[in-house]
PDB file of N, CA and C in Angstrom:
ATOM      1  N   UNK A   1       8.767  -3.393  -4.314  1.00  0.00           N
ATOM      2  CA  UNK A   1       7.774  -2.959  -3.365  1.00  0.00           C
ATOM      3  C   UNK A   1       7.065  -4.167  -2.820  1.00  0.00           C
ATOM      4  N   UNK A   2       6.922  -4.298  -1.587  1.00  0.00           N
ATOM      5  CA  UNK A   2       6.212  -5.429  -0.978  1.00  0.00           C
ATOM      6  C   UNK A   2       4.725  -5.209  -1.065  1.00  0.00           C
ATOM      7  N   UNK A   3       3.945  -6.229  -0.812  1.00  0.00           N
ATOM      8  CA  UNK A   3       2.400  -6.105  -0.899  1.00  0.00           C
ATOM      9  C   UNK A   3       2.015  -5.149   0.128  1.00  0.00           C
ATOM     10  N   UNK A   4       2.552  -5.150   1.353  1.00  0.00           N
ATOM     11  CA  UNK A   4       2.181  -4.237   2.375  1.00  0.00           C
ATOM     12  C   UNK A   4       2.422  -2.764   1.935  1.00  0.00           C
ATOM     13  N   UNK A   5       3.581  -2.524   1.364  1.00  0.00           N
ATOM     14  CA  UNK A   5       3.882  -1.170   0.835  1.00  0.00           C
ATOM     15  C   UNK A   5       2.856  -0.741  -0.260  1.00  0.00           C
ATOM     16  N   UNK A   6       2.562  -1.687  -1.130  1.00  0.00           N
ATOM     17  CA  UNK A   6       1.598  -1.389  -2.212  1.00  0.00           C
ATOM     18  C   UNK A   6       0.205  -1.054  -1.667  1.00  0.00           C
ATOM     19  N   UNK A   7      -0.204  -1.839  -0.684  1.00  0.00           N
ATOM     20  CA  UNK A   7      -1.576  -1.536  -0.056  1.00  0.00           C
ATOM     21  C   UNK A   7      -1.494  -0.254   0.619  1.00  0.00           C
ATOM     22  N   UNK A   8      -0.436   0.051   1.368  1.00  0.00           N
ATOM     23  CA  UNK A   8      -0.292   1.315   2.028  1.00  0.00           C
ATOM     24  C   UNK A   8      -0.353   2.518   1.018  1.00  0.00           C
ATOM     25  N   UNK A   9       0.339   2.382  -0.073  1.00  0.00           N
ATOM     26  CA  UNK A   9       0.338   3.363  -1.176  1.00  0.00           C
ATOM     27  C   UNK A   9      -1.038   3.538  -1.661  1.00  0.00           C
ATOM     28  N   UNK A  10      -1.761   2.487  -1.904  1.00  0.00           N
ATOM     29  CA  UNK A  10      -3.094   2.570  -2.426  1.00  0.00           C
ATOM     30  C   UNK A  10      -4.011   3.290  -1.368  1.00  0.00           C
ATOM     31  N   UNK A  11      -3.924   2.892  -0.138  1.00  0.00           N
ATOM     32  CA  UNK A  11      -4.812   3.438   0.897  1.00  0.00           C
ATOM     33  C   UNK A  11      -4.534   4.944   1.198  1.00  0.00           C
ATOM     34  N   UNK A  12      -3.285   5.400   0.867  1.00  0.00           N
ATOM     35  CA  UNK A  12      -2.994   6.791   1.019  1.00  0.00           C
ATOM     36  C   UNK A  12      -3.855   7.677   0.105  1.00  0.00           C
ATOM     37  N   UNK A  13      -4.231   7.132  -0.977  1.00  0.00           N
ATOM     38  CA  UNK A  13      -5.024   7.876  -2.002  1.00  0.00           C
ATOM     39  C   UNK A  13      -6.552   7.814  -1.739  1.00  0.00           C
ATOM     40  N   UNK A  14      -6.916   7.099  -0.663  1.00  0.00           N
ATOM     41  CA  UNK A  14      -8.348   6.935  -0.422  1.00  0.00           C
ATOM     42  C   UNK A  14      -8.783   7.896   0.727  1.00  0.00           C
ATOM     43  N   UNK A  15     -10.038   8.389   0.654  1.00  0.00           N
ATOM     44  CA  UNK A  15     -10.472   9.294   1.644  1.00  0.00           C
ATOM     45  C   UNK A  15     -11.072   8.618   2.943  1.00  0.00           C
ATOM     46  N   UNK A  16     -10.341   7.746   3.489  1.00  0.00           N
ATOM     47  CA  UNK A  16     -10.785   7.019   4.747  1.00  0.00           C
ATOM     48  C   UNK A  16     -10.023   7.559   5.913  1.00  0.00           C
ATOM     49  N   UNK A  17     -10.764   7.463   7.058  1.00  0.00           N
ATOM     50  CA  UNK A  17     -10.156   7.764   8.373  1.00  0.00           C
ATOM     51  C   UNK A  17      -9.097   6.707   8.647  1.00  0.00           C
ATOM     52  N   UNK A  18      -8.211   7.018   9.550  1.00  0.00           N
ATOM     53  CA  UNK A  18      -7.020   6.098   9.877  1.00  0.00           C
ATOM     54  C   UNK A  18      -7.539   4.746  10.407  1.00  0.00           C
ATOM     55  N   UNK A  19      -8.620   4.731  11.215  1.00  0.00           N
ATOM     56  CA  UNK A  19      -9.129   3.442  11.697  1.00  0.00           C
ATOM     57  C   UNK A  19      -9.722   2.663  10.544  1.00  0.00           C
ATOM     58  N   UNK A  20     -10.398   3.320   9.605  1.00  0.00           N
ATOM     59  CA  UNK A  20     -10.965   2.646   8.477  1.00  0.00           C
ATOM     60  C   UNK A  20      -9.891   2.090   7.553  1.00  0.00           C
ATOM     61  N   UNK A  21      -8.817   2.810   7.467  1.00  0.00           N
ATOM     62  CA  UNK A  21      -7.658   2.289   6.649  1.00  0.00           C
ATOM     63  C   UNK A  21      -7.055   1.060   7.227  1.00  0.00           C
ATOM     64  N   UNK A  22      -6.995   0.986   8.544  1.00  0.00           N
ATOM     65  CA  UNK A  22      -6.462  -0.201   9.164  1.00  0.00           C
ATOM     66  C   UNK A  22      -7.361  -1.385   8.824  1.00  0.00           C
ATOM     67  N   UNK A  23      -8.708  -1.263   9.019  1.00  0.00           N
ATOM     68  CA  UNK A  23      -9.571  -2.292   8.687  1.00  0.00           C
ATOM     69  C   UNK A  23      -9.564  -2.679   7.179  1.00  0.00           C
ATOM     70  N   UNK A  24      -9.490  -1.704   6.370  1.00  0.00           N
ATOM     71  CA  UNK A  24      -9.411  -1.925   4.856  1.00  0.00           C
ATOM     72  C   UNK A  24      -8.103  -2.710   4.545  1.00  0.00           C
ATOM     73  N   UNK A  25      -7.029  -2.364   5.194  1.00  0.00           N
ATOM     74  CA  UNK A  25      -5.747  -3.081   4.875  1.00  0.00           C
ATOM     75  C   UNK A  25      -5.878  -4.529   5.318  1.00  0.00           C
ATOM     76  N   UNK A  26      -6.500  -4.799   6.502  1.00  0.00           N
ATOM     77  CA  UNK A  26      -6.724  -6.162   6.947  1.00  0.00           C
ATOM     78  C   UNK A  26      -7.558  -7.014   5.993  1.00  0.00           C
ATOM     79  N   UNK A  27      -8.643  -6.292   5.512  1.00  0.00           N
ATOM     80  CA  UNK A  27      -9.492  -7.017   4.567  1.00  0.00           C
ATOM     81  C   UNK A  27      -8.771  -7.315   3.232  1.00  0.00           C
ATOM     82  N   UNK A  28      -8.031  -6.359   2.726  1.00  0.00           N
ATOM     83  CA  UNK A  28      -7.309  -6.553   1.479  1.00  0.00           C
ATOM     84  C   UNK A  28      -6.295  -7.639   1.676  1.00  0.00           C
ATOM     85  N   UNK A  29      -5.600  -7.620   2.773  1.00  0.00           N
ATOM     86  CA  UNK A  29      -4.587  -8.709   3.035  1.00  0.00           C
ATOM     87  C   UNK A  29      -5.217 -10.085   3.096  1.00  0.00           C
ATOM     88  N   UNK A  30      -6.364 -10.144   3.695  1.00  0.00           N
ATOM     89  CA  UNK A  30      -7.053 -11.499   3.805  1.00  0.00           C
ATOM     90  C   UNK A  30      -7.344 -11.996   2.414  1.00  0.00           C
ATOM     91  N   UNK A  31      -7.948 -11.131   1.562  1.00  0.00           N
ATOM     92  CA  UNK A  31      -8.208 -11.553   0.170  1.00  0.00           C
ATOM     93  C   UNK A  31      -6.884 -11.916  -0.562  1.00  0.00           C
ATOM     94  N   UNK A  32      -5.835 -11.054  -0.403  1.00  0.00           N
ATOM     95  CA  UNK A  32      -4.603 -11.246  -1.072  1.00  0.00           C
ATOM     96  C   UNK A  32      -3.952 -12.545  -0.716  1.00  0.00           C
ATOM     97  N   UNK A  33      -4.002 -12.900   0.557  1.00  0.00           N
ATOM     98  CA  UNK A  33      -3.436 -14.164   1.076  1.00  0.00           C
ATOM     99  C   UNK A  33      -4.123 -15.348   0.385  1.00  0.00           C
ATOM    100  N   UNK A  34      -5.407 -15.262   0.081  1.00  0.00           N
ATOM    101  CA  UNK A  34      -6.095 -16.330  -0.511  1.00  0.00           C
ATOM    102  C   UNK A  34      -5.894 -16.432  -2.003  1.00  0.00           C
ATOM    103  N   UNK A  35      -5.990 -15.331  -2.727  1.00  0.00           N
ATOM    104  CA  UNK A  35      -5.999 -15.366  -4.190  1.00  0.00           C
ATOM    105  C   UNK A  35      -4.848 -14.543  -4.819  1.00  0.00           C
ATOM    106  N   UNK A  36      -4.031 -13.881  -4.099  1.00  0.00           N
ATOM    107  CA  UNK A  36      -3.037 -12.963  -4.642  1.00  0.00           C
ATOM    108  C   UNK A  36      -2.133 -13.567  -5.667  1.00  0.00           C
ATOM    109  N   UNK A  37      -1.531 -14.766  -5.392  1.00  0.00           N
ATOM    110  CA  UNK A  37      -0.621 -15.324  -6.286  1.00  0.00           C
ATOM    111  C   UNK A  37      -1.322 -15.746  -7.611  1.00  0.00           C
ATOM    112  N   UNK A  38      -2.479 -16.257  -7.527  1.00  0.00           N
ATOM    113  CA  UNK A  38      -3.277 -16.622  -8.691  1.00  0.00           C
ATOM    114  C   UNK A  38      -3.603 -15.425  -9.491  1.00  0.00           C
ATOM    115  N   UNK A  39      -3.983 -14.314  -8.882  1.00  0.00           N
ATOM    116  CA  UNK A  39      -4.283 -13.164  -9.580  1.00  0.00           C
ATOM    117  C   UNK A  39      -3.068 -12.610 -10.314  1.00  0.00           C
ATOM    118  N   UNK A  40      -1.904 -12.648  -9.753  1.00  0.00           N
ATOM    119  CA  UNK A  40      -0.689 -12.209 -10.420  1.00  0.00           C
ATOM    120  C   UNK A  40      -0.421 -13.061 -11.647  1.00  0.00           C
ATOM    121  N   UNK A  41      -0.733 -14.355 -11.518  1.00  0.00           N
ATOM    122  CA  UNK A  41      -0.499 -15.245 -12.594  1.00  0.00           C
ATOM    123  C   UNK A  41      -1.552 -14.962 -13.798  1.00  0.00           C
ATOM    124  N   UNK A  42      -2.736 -14.644 -13.398  1.00  0.00           N
ATOM    125  CA  UNK A  42      -3.771 -14.283 -14.360  1.00  0.00           C
ATOM    126  C   UNK A  42      -3.444 -13.024 -15.143  1.00  0.00           C
ATOM    127  N   UNK A  43      -2.919 -12.006 -14.359  1.00  0.00           N
ATOM    128  CA  UNK A  43      -2.579 -10.734 -15.002  1.00  0.00           C
ATOM    129  C   UNK A  43      -1.334 -10.948 -15.872  1.00  0.00           C
ATOM    130  N   UNK A  44      -0.409 -11.725 -15.439  1.00  0.00           N
ATOM    131  CA  UNK A  44       0.806 -12.004 -16.257  1.00  0.00           C
ATOM    132  C   UNK A  44       0.407 -12.673 -17.576  1.00  0.00           C
ATOM    133  N   UNK A  45      -0.511 -13.628 -17.471  1.00  0.00           N
ATOM    134  CA  UNK A  45      -1.018 -14.301 -18.734  1.00  0.00           C
ATOM    135  C   UNK A  45      -1.676 -13.282 -19.603  1.00  0.00           C
ATOM    136  N   UNK A  46      -2.457 -12.460 -19.066  1.00  0.00           N
ATOM    137  CA  UNK A  46      -3.143 -11.371 -19.924  1.00  0.00           C
ATOM    138  C   UNK A  46      -2.126 -10.463 -20.557  1.00  0.00           C
ATOM    139  N   UNK A  47      -1.032 -10.207 -19.913  1.00  0.00           N
ATOM    140  CA  UNK A  47       0.009  -9.292 -20.456  1.00  0.00           C
ATOM    141  C   UNK A  47       0.816 -10.052 -21.486  1.00  0.00           C
ATOM    142  N   UNK A  48       0.935 -11.392 -21.387  1.00  0.00           N
ATOM    143  CA  UNK A  48       1.694 -12.160 -22.432  1.00  0.00           C
ATOM    144  C   UNK A  48       0.912 -12.304 -23.721  1.00  0.00           C
ATOM    145  N   UNK A  49      -0.365 -12.313 -23.672  1.00  0.00           N
ATOM    146  CA  UNK A  49      -1.154 -12.467 -24.879  1.00  0.00           C
ATOM    147  C   UNK A  49      -1.080 -11.138 -25.749  1.00  0.00           C
ATOM    148  N   UNK A  50      -1.387 -11.300 -26.999  1.00  0.00           N
ATOM    149  CA  UNK A  50      -1.436 -10.004 -27.884  1.00  0.00           C
ATOM    150  C   UNK A  50      -2.567  -9.210 -27.325  1.00  0.00           C
ATOM    151  N   UNK A  51      -2.306  -7.881 -27.298  1.00  0.00           N
ATOM    152  CA  UNK A  51      -3.327  -6.926 -26.905  1.00  0.00           C
ATOM    153  C   UNK A  51      -4.440  -6.819 -27.913  1.00  0.00           C
ATOM    154  N   UNK A  52      -5.683  -7.076 -27.538  1.00  0.00           N
ATOM    155  CA  UNK A  52      -6.814  -6.938 -28.524  1.00  0.00           C
ATOM    156  C   UNK A  52      -7.624  -5.695 -28.137  1.00  0.00           C
ATOM    157  N   UNK A  53      -7.364  -5.094 -26.980  1.00  0.00           N
ATOM    158  CA  UNK A  53      -8.019  -3.861 -26.613  1.00  0.00           C
ATOM    159  C   UNK A  53      -6.989  -2.940 -26.054  1.00  0.00           C
ATOM    160  N   UNK A  54      -7.249  -1.678 -26.003  1.00  0.00           N
ATOM    161  CA  UNK A  54      -6.349  -0.687 -25.535  1.00  0.00           C
ATOM    162  C   UNK A  54      -6.071  -0.876 -24.075  1.00  0.00           C
ATOM    163  N   UNK A  55      -4.773  -0.930 -23.696  1.00  0.00           N
ATOM    164  CA  UNK A  55      -4.366  -1.143 -22.292  1.00  0.00           C
ATOM    165  C   UNK A  55      -4.891  -2.380 -21.660  1.00  0.00           C
ATOM    166  N   UNK A  56      -5.184  -3.354 -22.502  1.00  0.00           N
ATOM    167  CA  UNK A  56      -5.676  -4.682 -22.050  1.00  0.00           C
ATOM    168  C   UNK A  56      -6.939  -4.610 -21.207  1.00  0.00           C
ATOM    169  N   UNK A  57      -7.852  -3.612 -21.480  1.00  0.00           N
ATOM    170  CA  UNK A  57      -9.019  -3.532 -20.715  1.00  0.00           C
ATOM    171  C   UNK A  57      -9.933  -4.747 -20.863  1.00  0.00           C
ATOM    172  N   UNK A  58      -9.875  -5.341 -22.085  1.00  0.00           N
ATOM    173  CA  UNK A  58     -10.791  -6.492 -22.328  1.00  0.00           C
ATOM    174  C   UNK A  58     -10.392  -7.752 -21.456  1.00  0.00           C
ATOM    175  N   UNK A  59      -9.102  -7.974 -21.383  1.00  0.00           N
ATOM    176  CA  UNK A  59      -8.623  -9.053 -20.479  1.00  0.00           C
ATOM    177  C   UNK A  59      -8.967  -8.787 -19.053  1.00  0.00           C
ATOM    178  N   UNK A  60      -8.762  -7.537 -18.640  1.00  0.00           N
ATOM    179  CA  UNK A  60      -9.080  -7.151 -17.257  1.00  0.00           C
ATOM    180  C   UNK A  60     -10.585  -7.313 -16.945  1.00  0.00           C
ATOM    181  N   UNK A  61     -11.362  -7.029 -17.973  1.00  0.00           N
ATOM    182  CA  UNK A  61     -12.880  -7.154 -17.724  1.00  0.00           C
ATOM    183  C   UNK A  61     -13.224  -8.632 -17.424  1.00  0.00           C
ATOM    184  N   UNK A  62     -12.572  -9.530 -18.194  1.00  0.00           N
ATOM    185  CA  UNK A  62     -12.836 -11.000 -17.937  1.00  0.00           C
ATOM    186  C   UNK A  62     -12.391 -11.408 -16.613  1.00  0.00           C
ATOM    187  N   UNK A  63     -11.261 -10.886 -16.118  1.00  0.00           N
ATOM    188  CA  UNK A  63     -10.837 -11.241 -14.764  1.00  0.00           C
ATOM    189  C   UNK A  63     -11.740 -10.610 -13.696  1.00  0.00           C
ATOM    190  N   UNK A  64     -12.196  -9.364 -13.952  1.00  0.00           N
ATOM    191  CA  UNK A  64     -13.117  -8.753 -13.005  1.00  0.00           C
ATOM    192  C   UNK A  64     -14.470  -9.514 -12.972  1.00  0.00           C
ATOM    193  N   UNK A  65     -14.924  -9.931 -14.105  1.00  0.00           N
ATOM    194  CA  UNK A  65     -16.141 -10.763 -14.095  1.00  0.00           C
ATOM    195  C   UNK A  65     -15.988 -12.082 -13.357  1.00  0.00           C
ATOM    196  N   UNK A  66     -14.803 -12.682 -13.536  1.00  0.00           N
ATOM    197  CA  UNK A  66     -14.507 -13.917 -12.776  1.00  0.00           C
ATOM    198  C   UNK A  66     -14.512 -13.625 -11.263  1.00  0.00           C
ATOM    199  N   UNK A  67     -13.856 -12.582 -10.808  1.00  0.00           N
ATOM    200  CA  UNK A  67     -13.783 -12.267  -9.402  1.00  0.00           C
ATOM    201  C   UNK A  67     -15.138 -11.910  -8.816  1.00  0.00           C
ATOM    202  N   UNK A  68     -15.951 -11.133  -9.614  1.00  0.00           N
ATOM    203  CA  UNK A  68     -17.238 -10.712  -9.046  1.00  0.00           C
ATOM    204  C   UNK A  68     -18.347 -11.809  -9.184  1.00  0.00           C
ATOM    205  N   UNK A  69     -18.396 -12.514 -10.210  1.00  0.00           N
ATOM    206  CA  UNK A  69     -19.442 -13.488 -10.413  1.00  0.00           C
ATOM    207  C   UNK A  69     -19.046 -14.852  -9.763  1.00  0.00           C
ATOM    208  N   UNK A  70     -17.876 -15.359 -10.037  1.00  0.00           N
ATOM    209  CA  UNK A  70     -17.524 -16.671  -9.624  1.00  0.00           C
ATOM    210  C   UNK A  70     -16.989 -16.695  -8.218  1.00  0.00           C
ATOM    211  N   UNK A  71     -16.168 -15.710  -7.825  1.00  0.00           N
ATOM    212  CA  UNK A  71     -15.564 -15.670  -6.453  1.00  0.00           C
ATOM    213  C   UNK A  71     -16.399 -14.828  -5.530  1.00  0.00           C
ATOM    214  N   UNK A  72     -17.359 -14.097  -6.016  1.00  0.00           N
ATOM    215  CA  UNK A  72     -18.286 -13.351  -5.146  1.00  0.00           C
ATOM    216  C   UNK A  72     -17.578 -12.229  -4.421  1.00  0.00           C
ATOM    217  N   UNK A  73     -16.592 -11.679  -5.019  1.00  0.00           N
ATOM    218  CA  UNK A  73     -15.830 -10.498  -4.450  1.00  0.00           C
ATOM    219  C   UNK A  73     -16.485  -9.249  -5.031  1.00  0.00           C
ATOM    220  N   UNK A  74     -16.843  -8.256  -4.230  1.00  0.00           N
ATOM    221  CA  UNK A  74     -17.414  -7.068  -4.833  1.00  0.00           C
ATOM    222  C   UNK A  74     -16.511  -6.280  -5.761  1.00  0.00           C
ATOM    223  N   UNK A  75     -17.082  -5.539  -6.646  1.00  0.00           N
ATOM    224  CA  UNK A  75     -16.280  -4.864  -7.708  1.00  0.00           C
ATOM    225  C   UNK A  75     -15.188  -3.973  -7.211  1.00  0.00           C
ATOM    226  N   UNK A  76     -15.459  -3.096  -6.219  1.00  0.00           N
ATOM    227  CA  UNK A  76     -14.324  -2.189  -5.777  1.00  0.00           C
ATOM    228  C   UNK A  76     -13.150  -3.041  -5.208  1.00  0.00           C
ATOM    229  N   UNK A  77     -13.470  -4.073  -4.431  1.00  0.00           N
ATOM    230  CA  UNK A  77     -12.350  -4.920  -3.905  1.00  0.00           C
ATOM    231  C   UNK A  77     -11.577  -5.661  -5.023  1.00  0.00           C
ATOM    232  N   UNK A  78     -12.400  -6.106  -5.993  1.00  0.00           N
ATOM    233  CA  UNK A  78     -11.728  -6.777  -7.173  1.00  0.00           C
ATOM    234  C   UNK A  78     -10.786  -5.894  -7.849  1.00  0.00           C
ATOM    235  N   UNK A  79     -11.184  -4.650  -8.039  1.00  0.00           N
ATOM    236  CA  UNK A  79     -10.340  -3.623  -8.785  1.00  0.00           C
ATOM    237  C   UNK A  79      -9.116  -3.376  -7.901  1.00  0.00           C
ATOM    238  N   UNK A  80      -9.237  -3.242  -6.621  1.00  0.00           N
ATOM    239  CA  UNK A  80      -8.038  -3.034  -5.754  1.00  0.00           C
ATOM    240  C   UNK A  80      -7.117  -4.210  -5.903  1.00  0.00           C
ATOM    241  N   UNK A  81      -7.600  -5.392  -5.834  1.00  0.00           N
ATOM    242  CA  UNK A  81      -6.764  -6.590  -5.928  1.00  0.00           C
ATOM    243  C   UNK A  81      -6.072  -6.697  -7.295  1.00  0.00           C
ATOM    244  N   UNK A  82      -6.817  -6.344  -8.360  1.00  0.00           N
ATOM    245  CA  UNK A  82      -6.189  -6.377  -9.723  1.00  0.00           C
ATOM    246  C   UNK A  82      -5.091  -5.263  -9.835  1.00  0.00           C
ATOM    247  N   UNK A  83      -5.351  -4.146  -9.172  1.00  0.00           N
ATOM    248  CA  UNK A  83      -4.310  -3.056  -9.217  1.00  0.00           C
ATOM    249  C   UNK A  83      -3.079  -3.564  -8.530  1.00  0.00           C
ATOM    250  N   UNK A  84      -3.208  -4.239  -7.373  1.00  0.00           N
ATOM    251  CA  UNK A  84      -2.108  -4.780  -6.686  1.00  0.00           C
ATOM    252  C   UNK A  84      -1.384  -5.925  -7.450  1.00  0.00           C
ATOM    253  N   UNK A  85      -2.147  -6.609  -8.272  1.00  0.00           N
ATOM    254  CA  UNK A  85      -1.611  -7.714  -9.055  1.00  0.00           C
ATOM    255  C   UNK A  85      -0.795  -7.248 -10.317  1.00  0.00           C
ATOM    256  N   UNK A  86      -0.888  -5.904 -10.585  1.00  0.00           N
ATOM    257  CA  UNK A  86      -0.006  -5.365 -11.622  1.00  0.00           C
ATOM    258  C   UNK A  86      -0.742  -4.989 -12.890  1.00  0.00           C
ATOM    259  N   UNK A  87      -2.035  -4.796 -12.829  1.00  0.00           N
ATOM    260  CA  UNK A  87      -2.774  -4.328 -14.030  1.00  0.00           C
ATOM    261  C   UNK A  87      -2.357  -2.946 -14.432  1.00  0.00           C
ATOM    262  N   UNK A  88      -2.467  -2.684 -15.722  1.00  0.00           N
ATOM    263  CA  UNK A  88      -2.221  -1.284 -16.238  1.00  0.00           C
ATOM    264  C   UNK A  88      -3.369  -0.472 -15.672  1.00  0.00           C
ATOM    265  N   UNK A  89      -3.011   0.710 -15.124  1.00  0.00           N
ATOM    266  CA  UNK A  89      -4.039   1.543 -14.386  1.00  0.00           C
ATOM    267  C   UNK A  89      -5.136   2.035 -15.329  1.00  0.00           C
ATOM    268  N   UNK A  90      -4.710   2.491 -16.556  1.00  0.00           N
ATOM    269  CA  UNK A  90      -5.758   2.958 -17.518  1.00  0.00           C
ATOM    270  C   UNK A  90      -6.610   1.866 -17.969  1.00  0.00           C
ATOM    271  N   UNK A  91      -6.065   0.666 -18.241  1.00  0.00           N
ATOM    272  CA  UNK A  91      -6.840  -0.423 -18.726  1.00  0.00           C
ATOM    273  C   UNK A  91      -7.785  -0.891 -17.636  1.00  0.00           C
ATOM    274  N   UNK A  92      -7.368  -0.908 -16.399  1.00  0.00           N
ATOM    275  CA  UNK A  92      -8.181  -1.315 -15.256  1.00  0.00           C
ATOM    276  C   UNK A  92      -9.313  -0.359 -15.060  1.00  0.00           C
ATOM    277  N   UNK A  93      -8.988   0.946 -15.147  1.00  0.00           N
ATOM    278  CA  UNK A  93      -9.992   1.952 -14.946  1.00  0.00           C
ATOM    279  C   UNK A  93     -11.097   1.821 -16.003  1.00  0.00           C
ATOM    280  N   UNK A  94     -10.699   1.587 -17.260  1.00  0.00           N
ATOM    281  CA  UNK A  94     -11.680   1.382 -18.300  1.00  0.00           C
ATOM    282  C   UNK A  94     -12.528   0.132 -18.062  1.00  0.00           C
ATOM    283  N   UNK A  95     -11.774  -0.927 -17.725  1.00  0.00           N
ATOM    284  CA  UNK A  95     -12.559  -2.176 -17.484  1.00  0.00           C
ATOM    285  C   UNK A  95     -13.565  -2.090 -16.323  1.00  0.00           C
ATOM    286  N   UNK A  96     -13.162  -1.340 -15.293  1.00  0.00           N
ATOM    287  CA  UNK A  96     -14.025  -1.185 -14.133  1.00  0.00           C
ATOM    288  C   UNK A  96     -15.198  -0.304 -14.539  1.00  0.00           C
ATOM    289  N   UNK A  97     -15.016   0.694 -15.261  1.00  0.00           N
ATOM    290  CA  UNK A  97     -16.103   1.567 -15.759  1.00  0.00           C
ATOM    291  C   UNK A  97     -17.087   0.805 -16.581  1.00  0.00           C
ATOM    292  N   UNK A  98     -16.503   0.040 -17.549  1.00  0.00           N
ATOM    293  CA  UNK A  98     -17.439  -0.757 -18.395  1.00  0.00           C
ATOM    294  C   UNK A  98     -18.148  -1.796 -17.630  1.00  0.00           C
ATOM    295  N   UNK A  99     -17.557  -2.425 -16.593  1.00  0.00           N
ATOM    296  CA  UNK A  99     -18.217  -3.432 -15.837  1.00  0.00           C
ATOM    297  C   UNK A  99     -19.319  -2.878 -15.001  1.00  0.00           C
ATOM    298  N   UNK A 100     -19.267  -1.564 -14.674  1.00  0.00           N
ATOM    299  CA  UNK A 100     -20.245  -0.965 -13.818  1.00  0.00           C
ATOM    300  C   UNK A 100     -21.499  -0.441 -14.718  1.00  0.00           C
ATOM    301  N   UNK A 101     -21.303  -0.366 -15.989  1.00  0.00           N
ATOM    302  CA  UNK A 101     -22.387  -0.055 -16.868  1.00  0.00           C
ATOM    303  C   UNK A 101     -22.530   1.463 -17.172  1.00  0.00           C
ATOM    304  N   UNK A 102     -21.849   2.294 -16.454  1.00  0.00           N
ATOM    305  CA  UNK A 102     -21.940   3.755 -16.617  1.00  0.00           C
ATOM    306  C   UNK A 102     -21.482   4.145 -17.970  1.00  0.00           C
ATOM    307  N   UNK A 103     -20.335   3.579 -18.422  1.00  0.00           N
ATOM    308  CA  UNK A 103     -19.765   3.944 -19.704  1.00  0.00           C
ATOM    309  C   UNK A 103     -20.689   3.482 -20.857  1.00  0.00           C
ATOM    310  N   UNK A 104     -21.202   2.294 -20.747  1.00  0.00           N
ATOM    311  CA  UNK A 104     -22.125   1.719 -21.736  1.00  0.00           C
ATOM    312  C   UNK A 104     -23.271   2.649 -21.952  1.00  0.00           C
ATOM    313  N   UNK A 105     -23.871   3.097 -20.831  1.00  0.00           N
ATOM    314  CA  UNK A 105     -25.050   3.955 -20.855  1.00  0.00           C
ATOM    315  C   UNK A 105     -24.704   5.269 -21.541  1.00  0.00           C
ATOM    316  N   UNK A 106     -23.517   5.788 -21.236  1.00  0.00           N
ATOM    317  CA  UNK A 106     -23.058   7.026 -21.824  1.00  0.00           C
ATOM    318  C   UNK A 106     -22.897   6.898 -23.374  1.00  0.00           C
ATOM    319  N   UNK A 107     -22.262   5.708 -23.776  1.00  0.00           N
ATOM    320  CA  UNK A 107     -22.135   5.511 -25.263  1.00  0.00           C
ATOM    321  C   UNK A 107     -23.443   5.293 -25.926  1.00  0.00           C
ATOM    322  N   UNK A 108     -24.358   4.604 -25.252  1.00  0.00           N
ATOM    323  CA  UNK A 108     -25.672   4.370 -25.811  1.00  0.00           C
ATOM    324  C   UNK A 108     -26.401   5.707 -25.980  1.00  0.00           C
ATOM    325  N   UNK A 109     -26.333   6.583 -25.008  1.00  0.00           N
ATOM    326  CA  UNK A 109     -26.993   7.862 -25.116  1.00  0.00           C
ATOM    327  C   UNK A 109     -26.452   8.718 -26.232  1.00  0.00           C
ATOM    328  N   UNK A 110     -25.129   8.697 -26.439  1.00  0.00           N
ATOM    329  CA  UNK A 110     -24.540   9.441 -27.509  1.00  0.00           C
ATOM    330  C   UNK A 110     -24.950   8.881 -28.816  1.00  0.00           C
ATOM    331  N   UNK A 111     -25.064   7.562 -28.967  1.00  0.00           N
ATOM    332  CA  UNK A 111     -25.511   6.871 -30.176  1.00  0.00           C
ATOM    333  C   UNK A 111     -26.945   7.300 -30.490  1.00  0.00           C
ATOM    334  N   UNK A 112     -27.838   7.260 -29.500  1.00  0.00           N
ATOM    335  CA  UNK A 112     -29.254   7.597 -29.704  1.00  0.00           C
ATOM    336  C   UNK A 112     -29.345   9.070 -30.097  1.00  0.00           C
ATOM    337  N   UNK A 113     -28.621   9.984 -29.424  1.00  0.00           N
ATOM    338  CA  UNK A 113     -28.656  11.369 -29.843  1.00  0.00           C
ATOM    339  C   UNK A 113     -28.134  11.628 -31.231  1.00  0.00           C
ATOM    340  N   UNK A 114     -27.091  10.934 -31.588  1.00  0.00           N
ATOM    341  CA  UNK A 114     -26.623  11.080 -32.987  1.00  0.00           C
ATOM    342  C   UNK A 114     -27.611  10.575 -33.988  1.00  0.00           C
ATOM    343  N   UNK A 115     -28.284   9.529 -33.732  1.00  0.00           N
ATOM    344  CA  UNK A 115     -29.312   8.947 -34.608  1.00  0.00           C
ATOM    345  C   UNK A 115     -30.482   9.902 -34.685  1.00  0.00           C
ATOM    346  N   UNK A 116     -30.883  10.485 -33.579  1.00  0.00           N
ATOM    347  CA  UNK A 116     -31.998  11.473 -33.587  1.00  0.00           C
ATOM    348  C   UNK A 116     -31.649  12.650 -34.522  1.00  0.00           C
ATOM    349  N   UNK A 117     -30.405  13.085 -34.452  1.00  0.00           N
ATOM    350  CA  UNK A 117     -30.050  14.263 -35.321  1.00  0.00           C
ATOM    351  C   UNK A 117     -30.046  13.893 -36.776  1.00  0.00           C
ATOM    352  N   UNK A 118     -29.664  12.640 -37.087  1.00  0.00           N
ATOM    353  CA  UNK A 118     -29.671  12.237 -38.502  1.00  0.00           C
ATOM    354  C   UNK A 118     -31.075  12.068 -39.033  1.00  0.00           C
ATOM    355  N   UNK A 119     -31.981  11.607 -38.186  1.00  0.00           N
ATOM    356  CA  UNK A 119     -33.345  11.372 -38.659  1.00  0.00           C
ATOM    357  C   UNK A 119     -34.105  12.723 -38.887  1.00  0.00           C
ATOM    358  N   UNK A 120     -33.787  13.791 -38.250  1.00  0.00           N
ATOM    359  CA  UNK A 120     -34.444  15.055 -38.386  1.00  0.00           C
ATOM    360  C   UNK A 120     -34.349  15.584 -39.755  1.00  0.00           C
TER     361      UNK A 120
END
């Protein structure tokens, strides 16, 4: 599958109007032309290392952090680019959730509630 086909397949699952999809594809292609090959290499290296987290989410989190902090690419675009670079979908979804803080807050709340029950 070519990168154009991959982007089209991704955009089919998004709730955007046709005109927005055209603009989104242009934007994704611009990013991909600049860093796509390097991202594929980074993802391949992550896959070659022993898995230390389920579905490689730990490795994907470090790549997401690099893209958002060092390259100044927003989180949703970074996730799309990593998806196109060949990341495991479940691992990428977990990494994205963790990077957004929602999951950590949920875990923290559960821990606090469990602790409150034990203390009573």
